[in-house]
N, C-alpha and C. Protein backbone atom coordinates (compact mmCIF):
# COMPACT_ATOMS: atom_id res chain seq x y z
N UNK A 1 50.63 139.01 125.00
CA UNK A 1 51.75 139.60 125.77
C UNK A 1 52.22 140.92 125.14
N UNK A 2 51.52 141.39 124.15
CA UNK A 2 51.89 142.60 123.42
C UNK A 2 52.01 143.81 124.35
N UNK A 3 51.19 143.86 125.39
CA UNK A 3 51.18 145.04 126.25
C UNK A 3 52.38 145.11 127.19
N UNK A 4 53.22 144.10 127.18
CA UNK A 4 54.42 144.14 128.02
C UNK A 4 55.60 144.77 127.30
N UNK A 5 55.39 145.19 126.07
CA UNK A 5 56.48 145.79 125.32
C UNK A 5 56.97 147.02 126.07
N UNK A 6 58.28 147.11 126.19
CA UNK A 6 58.90 148.16 126.99
C UNK A 6 59.77 149.00 126.04
N UNK A 7 59.21 150.10 125.48
CA UNK A 7 60.04 150.89 124.58
C UNK A 7 61.18 151.54 125.35
N UNK A 8 62.33 151.58 124.75
CA UNK A 8 63.48 152.25 125.36
C UNK A 8 64.46 152.61 124.26
N UNK A 9 65.35 153.52 124.59
CA UNK A 9 66.37 153.89 123.61
C UNK A 9 67.51 152.87 123.70
N UNK A 10 68.40 152.94 122.74
CA UNK A 10 69.57 152.07 122.73
C UNK A 10 70.39 152.32 124.01
N UNK A 11 70.45 153.57 124.45
CA UNK A 11 71.18 153.92 125.67
C UNK A 11 70.61 153.15 126.87
N UNK A 12 69.29 153.18 127.03
CA UNK A 12 68.65 152.51 128.16
C UNK A 12 68.88 151.01 128.11
N UNK A 13 68.81 150.44 126.91
CA UNK A 13 69.02 149.00 126.73
C UNK A 13 70.45 148.62 127.12
N UNK A 14 71.40 149.39 126.62
CA UNK A 14 72.80 149.09 126.91
C UNK A 14 73.12 149.29 128.40
N UNK A 15 72.47 150.28 129.01
CA UNK A 15 72.69 150.52 130.44
C UNK A 15 72.18 149.34 131.26
N UNK A 16 71.01 148.80 130.88
CA UNK A 16 70.48 147.62 131.58
C UNK A 16 71.39 146.42 131.40
N UNK A 17 71.88 146.23 130.17
CA UNK A 17 72.79 145.11 129.92
C UNK A 17 74.05 145.24 130.77
N UNK A 18 74.58 146.45 130.86
CA UNK A 18 75.79 146.69 131.64
C UNK A 18 75.53 146.40 133.13
N UNK A 19 74.36 146.81 133.62
CA UNK A 19 74.03 146.55 135.03
C UNK A 19 73.94 145.05 135.28
N UNK A 20 73.29 144.32 134.35
CA UNK A 20 73.16 142.87 134.50
C UNK A 20 74.53 142.20 134.52
N UNK A 21 75.40 142.61 133.61
CA UNK A 21 76.75 142.02 133.56
C UNK A 21 77.52 142.32 134.83
N UNK A 22 77.42 143.54 135.33
CA UNK A 22 78.11 143.93 136.55
C UNK A 22 77.62 143.05 137.73
N UNK A 23 76.30 142.88 137.82
CA UNK A 23 75.75 142.06 138.90
C UNK A 23 76.19 140.61 138.77
N UNK A 24 76.10 140.08 137.53
CA UNK A 24 76.41 138.66 137.30
C UNK A 24 77.89 138.34 137.47
N UNK A 25 78.74 139.22 136.93
CA UNK A 25 80.16 138.90 136.86
C UNK A 25 80.97 139.40 138.04
N UNK A 26 80.46 140.44 138.74
CA UNK A 26 81.25 141.00 139.84
C UNK A 26 80.54 140.91 141.19
N UNK A 27 79.36 141.48 141.27
CA UNK A 27 78.69 141.60 142.57
C UNK A 27 78.26 140.23 143.12
N UNK A 28 77.55 139.45 142.30
CA UNK A 28 77.02 138.17 142.79
C UNK A 28 78.15 137.22 143.22
N UNK A 29 79.20 137.02 142.40
CA UNK A 29 80.28 136.12 142.83
C UNK A 29 80.92 136.58 144.16
N UNK A 30 81.05 137.88 144.36
CA UNK A 30 81.64 138.40 145.60
C UNK A 30 80.73 138.07 146.79
N UNK A 31 79.41 138.20 146.59
CA UNK A 31 78.46 137.90 147.66
C UNK A 31 78.49 136.41 147.98
N UNK A 32 78.54 135.58 146.95
CA UNK A 32 78.57 134.13 147.18
C UNK A 32 79.83 133.73 147.93
N UNK A 33 80.94 134.35 147.59
CA UNK A 33 82.21 134.08 148.28
C UNK A 33 82.06 134.50 149.76
N UNK A 34 81.45 135.65 150.00
CA UNK A 34 81.26 136.12 151.38
C UNK A 34 80.34 135.17 152.16
N UNK A 35 79.31 134.64 151.49
CA UNK A 35 78.39 133.68 152.14
C UNK A 35 79.17 132.42 152.53
N UNK A 36 80.00 131.93 151.60
CA UNK A 36 80.79 130.72 151.87
C UNK A 36 81.74 130.95 153.04
N UNK A 37 82.39 132.13 153.06
CA UNK A 37 83.31 132.43 154.16
C UNK A 37 82.55 132.53 155.48
N UNK A 38 81.35 133.13 155.45
CA UNK A 38 80.54 133.25 156.67
C UNK A 38 80.08 131.87 157.14
N UNK A 39 79.74 130.99 156.19
CA UNK A 39 79.28 129.64 156.54
C UNK A 39 80.40 128.87 157.23
N UNK A 40 81.63 129.13 156.82
CA UNK A 40 82.78 128.44 157.41
C UNK A 40 83.00 128.84 158.87
N UNK A 41 82.36 129.95 159.28
CA UNK A 41 82.54 130.41 160.66
C UNK A 41 81.72 129.59 161.65
N UNK A 42 80.91 128.68 161.14
CA UNK A 42 80.17 127.81 162.07
C UNK A 42 78.72 128.16 162.19
N UNK A 43 78.20 128.14 163.41
CA UNK A 43 76.79 128.25 163.74
C UNK A 43 76.04 129.27 162.87
N UNK A 44 75.16 128.77 161.98
CA UNK A 44 74.45 129.64 161.05
C UNK A 44 73.28 130.38 161.71
N UNK A 45 72.78 129.88 162.82
CA UNK A 45 71.62 130.51 163.47
C UNK A 45 71.93 131.94 163.90
N UNK A 46 73.13 132.14 164.40
CA UNK A 46 73.47 133.46 164.92
C UNK A 46 74.54 134.15 164.07
N UNK A 47 74.61 133.73 162.82
CA UNK A 47 75.65 134.23 161.93
C UNK A 47 75.07 135.37 161.06
N UNK A 48 75.22 136.59 161.54
CA UNK A 48 74.63 137.76 160.84
C UNK A 48 75.19 137.93 159.44
N UNK A 49 76.50 137.70 159.28
CA UNK A 49 77.13 137.87 157.95
C UNK A 49 76.51 136.91 156.95
N UNK A 50 76.28 135.67 157.41
CA UNK A 50 75.71 134.65 156.53
C UNK A 50 74.30 135.07 156.09
N UNK A 51 73.47 135.48 157.05
CA UNK A 51 72.08 135.85 156.73
C UNK A 51 72.02 137.11 155.87
N UNK A 52 72.89 138.07 156.17
CA UNK A 52 72.94 139.30 155.36
C UNK A 52 73.35 138.95 153.93
N UNK A 53 74.31 138.06 153.80
CA UNK A 53 74.78 137.63 152.48
C UNK A 53 73.68 136.95 151.69
N UNK A 54 72.93 136.06 152.37
CA UNK A 54 71.83 135.36 151.70
C UNK A 54 70.76 136.35 151.22
N UNK A 55 70.49 137.35 152.05
CA UNK A 55 69.49 138.35 151.69
C UNK A 55 69.98 139.19 150.50
N UNK A 56 71.25 139.53 150.55
CA UNK A 56 71.84 140.31 149.46
C UNK A 56 71.79 139.51 148.16
N UNK A 57 72.08 138.21 148.26
CA UNK A 57 72.03 137.34 147.07
C UNK A 57 70.60 137.30 146.51
N UNK A 58 69.61 137.21 147.38
CA UNK A 58 68.21 137.17 146.94
C UNK A 58 67.84 138.48 146.23
N UNK A 59 68.32 139.61 146.78
CA UNK A 59 68.05 140.91 146.15
C UNK A 59 68.70 141.01 144.77
N UNK A 60 69.93 140.52 144.66
CA UNK A 60 70.64 140.54 143.37
C UNK A 60 69.90 139.67 142.36
N UNK A 61 69.49 138.47 142.80
CA UNK A 61 68.78 137.57 141.89
C UNK A 61 67.46 138.18 141.43
N UNK A 62 66.78 138.89 142.36
CA UNK A 62 65.51 139.54 142.02
C UNK A 62 65.75 140.63 140.98
N UNK A 63 66.79 141.43 141.18
CA UNK A 63 67.09 142.51 140.24
C UNK A 63 67.50 141.93 138.88
N UNK A 64 68.27 140.85 138.87
CA UNK A 64 68.66 140.23 137.61
C UNK A 64 67.43 139.73 136.85
N UNK A 65 66.45 139.18 137.56
CA UNK A 65 65.21 138.71 136.93
C UNK A 65 64.45 139.90 136.34
N UNK A 66 64.40 141.00 137.11
CA UNK A 66 63.73 142.23 136.66
C UNK A 66 64.37 142.73 135.36
N UNK A 67 65.70 142.80 135.35
CA UNK A 67 66.42 143.28 134.17
C UNK A 67 66.19 142.34 133.00
N UNK A 68 66.24 141.05 133.28
CA UNK A 68 66.01 140.06 132.23
C UNK A 68 64.63 140.24 131.60
N UNK A 69 63.61 140.47 132.43
CA UNK A 69 62.25 140.70 131.91
C UNK A 69 62.20 141.97 131.07
N UNK A 70 62.83 143.04 131.58
CA UNK A 70 62.84 144.31 130.83
C UNK A 70 63.51 144.12 129.46
N UNK A 71 64.67 143.45 129.47
CA UNK A 71 65.41 143.28 128.22
C UNK A 71 64.65 142.38 127.24
N UNK A 72 63.97 141.35 127.77
CA UNK A 72 63.26 140.46 126.85
C UNK A 72 62.03 141.14 126.25
N UNK A 73 61.48 142.15 126.95
CA UNK A 73 60.33 142.89 126.41
C UNK A 73 60.76 144.18 125.72
N UNK A 74 62.06 144.44 125.71
CA UNK A 74 62.54 145.71 125.18
C UNK A 74 62.26 145.84 123.69
N UNK A 75 61.83 147.02 123.34
CA UNK A 75 61.70 147.38 121.94
C UNK A 75 62.53 148.64 121.79
N UNK A 76 63.67 148.49 121.12
CA UNK A 76 64.55 149.65 120.99
C UNK A 76 63.98 150.61 119.96
N UNK A 77 63.79 151.83 120.41
CA UNK A 77 63.21 152.86 119.55
C UNK A 77 64.26 153.95 119.37
N UNK A 78 64.49 154.35 118.15
CA UNK A 78 65.38 155.47 117.90
C UNK A 78 64.49 156.69 117.68
N UNK A 79 64.37 157.53 118.73
CA UNK A 79 63.43 158.66 118.64
C UNK A 79 63.76 159.62 117.50
N UNK A 80 65.02 159.64 117.05
CA UNK A 80 65.36 160.59 115.99
C UNK A 80 64.70 160.21 114.66
N UNK A 81 64.20 158.98 114.55
CA UNK A 81 63.56 158.55 113.31
C UNK A 81 62.05 158.76 113.34
N UNK A 82 61.53 159.17 114.50
CA UNK A 82 60.09 159.36 114.63
C UNK A 82 59.68 160.77 114.24
N UNK A 83 58.43 160.89 113.86
CA UNK A 83 57.83 162.18 113.54
C UNK A 83 57.52 162.85 114.87
N UNK A 84 57.92 164.10 115.06
CA UNK A 84 57.64 164.76 116.34
C UNK A 84 56.72 165.97 116.18
N UNK A 85 55.80 165.88 115.20
CA UNK A 85 54.80 166.94 115.07
C UNK A 85 53.83 166.83 116.24
N UNK A 86 53.63 165.60 116.69
CA UNK A 86 52.82 165.33 117.88
C UNK A 86 53.74 164.73 118.94
N UNK A 87 53.34 164.87 120.20
CA UNK A 87 54.14 164.32 121.29
C UNK A 87 54.18 162.80 121.17
N UNK A 88 55.40 162.24 121.11
CA UNK A 88 55.55 160.79 121.05
C UNK A 88 56.78 160.38 121.83
N UNK A 89 57.09 159.10 121.80
CA UNK A 89 58.26 158.58 122.52
C UNK A 89 59.50 159.34 122.04
N UNK A 90 60.27 159.85 122.99
CA UNK A 90 61.50 160.57 122.63
C UNK A 90 61.30 162.05 122.36
N UNK A 91 60.05 162.51 122.35
CA UNK A 91 59.80 163.94 122.11
C UNK A 91 60.25 164.76 123.31
N UNK A 92 60.77 165.94 123.02
CA UNK A 92 61.01 166.93 124.07
C UNK A 92 59.86 167.92 123.93
N UNK A 93 59.17 168.16 125.04
CA UNK A 93 57.97 168.98 125.03
C UNK A 93 58.15 170.15 125.98
N UNK A 94 57.81 171.34 125.50
CA UNK A 94 57.81 172.51 126.38
C UNK A 94 56.34 172.81 126.66
N UNK A 95 56.00 172.77 127.95
CA UNK A 95 54.63 173.06 128.37
C UNK A 95 54.61 174.39 129.09
N UNK A 96 53.62 175.21 128.75
CA UNK A 96 53.48 176.48 129.45
C UNK A 96 52.27 176.40 130.35
N UNK A 97 52.48 176.66 131.64
CA UNK A 97 51.40 176.68 132.61
C UNK A 97 50.51 177.88 132.26
N UNK A 98 49.25 177.61 131.91
CA UNK A 98 48.36 178.68 131.46
C UNK A 98 48.12 179.71 132.55
N UNK A 99 48.11 179.29 133.80
CA UNK A 99 47.86 180.23 134.90
C UNK A 99 49.07 181.05 135.28
N UNK A 100 50.25 180.42 135.37
CA UNK A 100 51.42 181.14 135.86
C UNK A 100 52.35 181.62 134.74
N UNK A 101 52.17 181.06 133.53
CA UNK A 101 53.07 181.41 132.43
C UNK A 101 54.41 180.70 132.53
N UNK A 102 54.59 179.91 133.58
CA UNK A 102 55.84 179.19 133.81
C UNK A 102 55.99 178.08 132.77
N UNK A 103 57.21 177.89 132.28
CA UNK A 103 57.43 176.82 131.30
C UNK A 103 58.19 175.67 131.93
N UNK A 104 57.81 174.46 131.55
CA UNK A 104 58.54 173.26 131.98
C UNK A 104 58.85 172.45 130.73
N UNK A 105 60.00 171.78 130.76
CA UNK A 105 60.41 170.98 129.62
C UNK A 105 60.58 169.54 130.06
N UNK A 106 59.98 168.63 129.29
CA UNK A 106 60.10 167.21 129.58
C UNK A 106 60.46 166.46 128.31
N UNK A 107 61.18 165.37 128.49
CA UNK A 107 61.45 164.46 127.38
C UNK A 107 60.86 163.12 127.76
N UNK A 108 60.14 162.50 126.84
CA UNK A 108 59.45 161.24 127.13
C UNK A 108 60.35 160.07 126.75
N UNK A 109 60.64 159.23 127.75
CA UNK A 109 61.58 158.12 127.57
C UNK A 109 60.97 156.83 128.13
N UNK A 110 61.73 155.75 128.04
CA UNK A 110 61.29 154.46 128.59
C UNK A 110 61.27 154.50 130.10
N UNK A 111 60.49 153.60 130.69
CA UNK A 111 60.34 153.55 132.14
C UNK A 111 61.66 153.42 132.87
N UNK A 112 62.56 152.58 132.33
CA UNK A 112 63.83 152.34 133.02
C UNK A 112 64.81 153.49 132.81
N UNK A 113 64.44 154.44 131.97
CA UNK A 113 65.34 155.56 131.67
C UNK A 113 64.90 156.85 132.34
N UNK A 114 63.73 156.83 132.96
CA UNK A 114 63.18 158.09 133.46
C UNK A 114 64.04 158.64 134.60
N UNK A 115 64.11 159.96 134.64
CA UNK A 115 64.86 160.67 135.67
C UNK A 115 64.22 162.06 135.76
N UNK A 116 63.13 162.17 136.55
CA UNK A 116 62.38 163.42 136.59
C UNK A 116 63.22 164.64 136.92
N UNK A 117 64.27 164.48 137.75
CA UNK A 117 65.11 165.64 138.09
C UNK A 117 65.78 166.21 136.84
N UNK A 118 66.00 165.34 135.84
CA UNK A 118 66.62 165.80 134.60
C UNK A 118 65.59 166.07 133.51
N UNK A 119 64.30 166.01 133.90
CA UNK A 119 63.25 166.28 132.91
C UNK A 119 62.93 165.08 132.04
N UNK A 120 63.42 163.89 132.42
CA UNK A 120 63.14 162.68 131.64
C UNK A 120 61.98 161.95 132.33
N UNK A 121 60.83 161.88 131.63
CA UNK A 121 59.69 161.22 132.26
C UNK A 121 59.30 159.97 131.47
N UNK A 122 58.86 158.96 132.20
CA UNK A 122 58.46 157.69 131.59
C UNK A 122 57.22 157.89 130.74
N UNK A 123 57.18 157.20 129.60
CA UNK A 123 56.00 157.26 128.73
C UNK A 123 54.77 156.72 129.47
N UNK A 124 55.00 155.98 130.57
CA UNK A 124 53.90 155.43 131.37
C UNK A 124 53.46 156.36 132.50
N UNK A 125 54.17 157.47 132.68
CA UNK A 125 53.83 158.37 133.79
C UNK A 125 52.49 159.05 133.50
N UNK A 126 51.79 159.45 134.57
CA UNK A 126 50.48 160.10 134.36
C UNK A 126 50.58 161.31 133.44
N UNK A 127 51.62 162.13 133.59
CA UNK A 127 51.75 163.32 132.75
C UNK A 127 51.95 162.93 131.28
N UNK A 128 52.88 162.01 131.03
CA UNK A 128 53.17 161.61 129.64
C UNK A 128 51.92 161.04 128.97
N UNK A 129 51.20 160.19 129.69
CA UNK A 129 49.99 159.59 129.11
C UNK A 129 49.00 160.66 128.67
N UNK A 130 48.96 161.78 129.41
CA UNK A 130 47.98 162.83 129.10
C UNK A 130 48.43 163.78 128.00
N UNK A 131 49.74 163.78 127.68
CA UNK A 131 50.19 164.70 126.62
C UNK A 131 50.59 163.97 125.34
N UNK A 132 50.72 162.64 125.37
CA UNK A 132 51.07 161.90 124.15
C UNK A 132 50.03 162.21 123.07
N UNK A 133 50.50 162.46 121.85
CA UNK A 133 49.59 162.72 120.74
C UNK A 133 49.20 164.18 120.59
N UNK A 134 49.52 165.02 121.58
CA UNK A 134 49.17 166.44 121.49
C UNK A 134 50.16 167.14 120.55
N UNK A 135 49.75 168.30 120.04
CA UNK A 135 50.67 169.06 119.18
C UNK A 135 50.75 170.50 119.66
N UNK A 136 51.70 171.23 119.07
CA UNK A 136 51.91 172.63 119.48
C UNK A 136 50.61 173.40 119.40
N UNK A 137 50.35 174.21 120.44
CA UNK A 137 49.14 175.01 120.47
C UNK A 137 48.00 174.33 121.21
N UNK A 138 48.07 173.00 121.37
CA UNK A 138 47.00 172.31 122.11
C UNK A 138 47.02 172.75 123.57
N UNK A 139 45.82 172.87 124.13
CA UNK A 139 45.72 173.11 125.56
C UNK A 139 45.30 171.81 126.20
N UNK A 140 45.90 171.50 127.32
CA UNK A 140 45.62 170.23 127.97
C UNK A 140 45.51 170.43 129.48
N UNK A 141 44.45 169.84 130.05
CA UNK A 141 44.28 169.82 131.51
C UNK A 141 44.88 168.51 131.97
N UNK A 142 45.86 168.57 132.84
CA UNK A 142 46.45 167.32 133.31
C UNK A 142 46.22 167.15 134.80
N UNK A 143 45.87 165.94 135.16
CA UNK A 143 45.71 165.60 136.58
C UNK A 143 47.05 165.13 137.09
N UNK A 144 47.55 165.83 138.09
CA UNK A 144 48.83 165.48 138.69
C UNK A 144 48.59 165.27 140.18
N UNK A 145 49.55 164.64 140.86
CA UNK A 145 49.36 164.43 142.30
C UNK A 145 49.02 165.74 143.03
N UNK A 146 49.53 166.86 142.55
CA UNK A 146 49.26 168.14 143.21
C UNK A 146 47.97 168.79 142.78
N UNK A 147 47.18 168.11 141.96
CA UNK A 147 45.92 168.68 141.49
C UNK A 147 45.91 168.80 139.98
N UNK A 148 44.91 169.51 139.46
CA UNK A 148 44.77 169.67 138.02
C UNK A 148 45.50 170.93 137.58
N UNK A 149 46.30 170.80 136.51
CA UNK A 149 46.98 171.97 135.96
C UNK A 149 46.62 172.09 134.49
N UNK A 150 46.57 173.33 134.01
CA UNK A 150 46.30 173.55 132.59
C UNK A 150 47.57 174.02 131.91
N UNK A 151 47.91 173.33 130.85
CA UNK A 151 49.10 173.67 130.08
C UNK A 151 48.74 173.92 128.64
N UNK A 152 49.57 174.74 128.01
CA UNK A 152 49.54 174.83 126.55
C UNK A 152 50.82 174.18 126.08
N UNK A 153 50.69 173.34 125.04
CA UNK A 153 51.88 172.72 124.47
C UNK A 153 52.58 173.81 123.64
N UNK A 154 53.66 174.37 124.18
CA UNK A 154 54.35 175.47 123.52
C UNK A 154 55.22 174.97 122.37
N UNK A 155 55.84 173.81 122.56
CA UNK A 155 56.73 173.29 121.52
C UNK A 155 56.87 171.78 121.66
N UNK A 156 56.94 171.10 120.51
CA UNK A 156 57.23 169.66 120.47
C UNK A 156 58.37 169.50 119.50
N UNK A 157 59.45 168.84 119.95
CA UNK A 157 60.60 168.70 119.05
C UNK A 157 61.39 167.46 119.42
N UNK A 158 62.29 167.10 118.56
CA UNK A 158 63.24 166.05 118.92
C UNK A 158 64.59 166.71 119.11
N UNK A 159 65.23 166.38 120.21
CA UNK A 159 66.62 166.80 120.38
C UNK A 159 67.33 165.63 121.02
N UNK A 160 68.63 165.58 120.83
CA UNK A 160 69.37 164.46 121.41
C UNK A 160 69.10 164.40 122.91
N UNK A 161 68.82 163.19 123.39
CA UNK A 161 68.46 163.02 124.79
C UNK A 161 69.72 162.87 125.63
N UNK A 162 69.81 163.68 126.68
CA UNK A 162 70.94 163.59 127.60
C UNK A 162 70.47 162.81 128.81
N UNK A 163 71.03 161.62 129.02
CA UNK A 163 70.58 160.76 130.10
C UNK A 163 71.35 160.96 131.39
N UNK A 164 72.54 161.52 131.31
CA UNK A 164 73.36 161.66 132.51
C UNK A 164 73.96 163.04 132.56
N UNK A 165 74.13 163.54 133.76
CA UNK A 165 74.80 164.82 133.94
C UNK A 165 76.29 164.62 133.75
N UNK A 166 76.90 165.44 132.96
CA UNK A 166 78.36 165.39 132.82
C UNK A 166 78.90 166.68 133.40
N UNK A 167 79.75 166.54 134.38
CA UNK A 167 80.28 167.74 135.03
C UNK A 167 81.40 168.36 134.21
């Protein structure tokens, strides 16, 4: 079962725990109460509220199971303690497109923490898999959904990871 290990930062772990608690302590009890109230209305065959509630409960239970699996396989990694001479978990990487000269910056995080719009990509993503282990100056051809791109690894570093936009 070693391959199910899910590396994540302390932030990602705590965020999953908070989501599970919110679902367990607030959302699920409210849904169950709504189901009970709908059941009291009588005929269940044509009771849309009852069926919607049951479906919502099933979705919540499925998500709780998902979170439980993630947390039980979680391996909390503190990226600031890792060596970032090569691209690894928690590394911030600046890639330069060899053809256009355009630079893109990505930080490699756990699957449950990824947010591509913020430059946070899962260590399991196709791009991350192709750049893990590379170092500054390496040239890498990466296969992406849009085709093959050639990048030079311009910089590999560790910087504090920002998981959420703060206005």
